[in-house]
Amino acid sequence: MKHWPAYLQRQRSEYLKPSLPLECIADMAVIIPCYNEKELSLTLDSLIECRPPETNTQVIIVINSTVKSDEKAIQQNRETYREAQKFSKTFSTDRLFFVPVIFENLPKKHGGVGLARKIGMDLAIDYFYKTGNPKGILISLDADCTVSKNYLQDIYDAFQDKKVQCTIHNFHHRVEGNDEAIEKAIREYEGYLRYFEEALKYTGFPYYYRTIGSAFAVTADAYVRSGGMGRQQGGEDFYFLQKIFPMGKVAVLDDVFVYPMARFSERVPFGTGPALQKIIAEPDGQIKVYSMDAFAALKQLFDTIDHFFKQPENRVEEKITLLHPSLQEFIRHNNVTADIMDCSNNCAGRVSFCKRFFQHFNAFNIIKYLNFAHQEGYFNLESLVTCNNKYLKYIGN
């Protein structure tokens, strides 16, 4: 834990003031950002109904608002805080202890779910440090989620493998009021998330795992070593997990479910809420996604990278001319050849070379490439059905 104090000292002291109760000795902390939520108790009740793991758990509820939040949301937050305090007094036990904290007037630039998630996780890091627990586990959840009964137990059990640094959980959205349009749209969106993960895995990219803010857990030490959660107003889960995945073993827990509420939202620029609006706005109600052919082109590159190792630059460029034209153009525009040469010059073996390559050509660059290839007309966005059929043909080859 020698690097933990330096991390904590870099954090804003006002965000660490509501210290967690040290008398409750826990190995796990569930962090729940909460903004303008009327039914937080559904999430808390769901955690109570979980089968208990062989350890204690603290549930940190970060009720938050910003300087630009409207008065109605602020009042709802305050009511939620009072209700959460009552809930904690009524239902907290040594095994499962609920800790609501409230932060108001967070800065306009960074205030949002990312900062709230970060505050909760940093409070947990401070707690684990003060209790001398280097093996603490941080579990990320959202305030509109219920969970499967094996949620806490199976997550804890997965981390008993000392190599595991991160767990990824399954998901299935709930739909309120039998709204057929939202039901159809959310299943399309879920299908896209699963398609994207499988297509990325097909390419050979090692860090293909889904990145959903309410559906992952990490070791406290990996969290600190990664530099912690970002303060983005949306997509903080994606940015954070891209730092975590290369740090150690990732366990995908397909039997552990979170059940978020499917609903419209303008709080973040991308994610479930905006995706639902976009899908419903489509004339045929079908999501349009990156072509499977673009992923196949990526596979061609990733299957080739170990042949770049210790090759002269002209030989690397010669091999690049054998790739799909979209990749040749992307590589030229983004100076990827220089990255390849950097990897080759600074690695002693092929394994370290490939690992370093994927630090350069990471998930951000993959999405950048996919956008480039579709915008430049190399590929067209296609229906999910079409892409899934193409995927089955590719994996059958």
Foldseek 3Di string as FASTA:
>chain_A
DVLLVVLLVVDDVVLQPVADDLVLDWQEEEEAEDWLDDPLVQAVVLQVLADFAPTAYEYEYEYEEAPPDDPVRVVSSVVVQVVQVVVQVVDADSRYGYHYDYYYHHYPVQDADQVSRQSRLSSVSVSCVVNVHQFHKYAFAYSQKHKDNNANHVVVVVVVPVQAFKEFEAEDADEPPPPVLLVLLVVLVVLQQVLQLVLLVVLVQPLSDGFDRHTMMGTSVLCVVLSHFDRHNPPSRVVSVLSRVVVGDYHYDHVIYMYGYQEADPSDPDDRNVSSVVLSPDPVSFDWAQASVLSVLSSLVLVCLLVLAPDDLVVVLVSLVPGDPLSNVLCVVVVLSVQLVVLNVPDDDSVSSSSSSCVVCDPVVSVVSSVSCCVVPVDDTHTSVVRVVVVVVVVVD
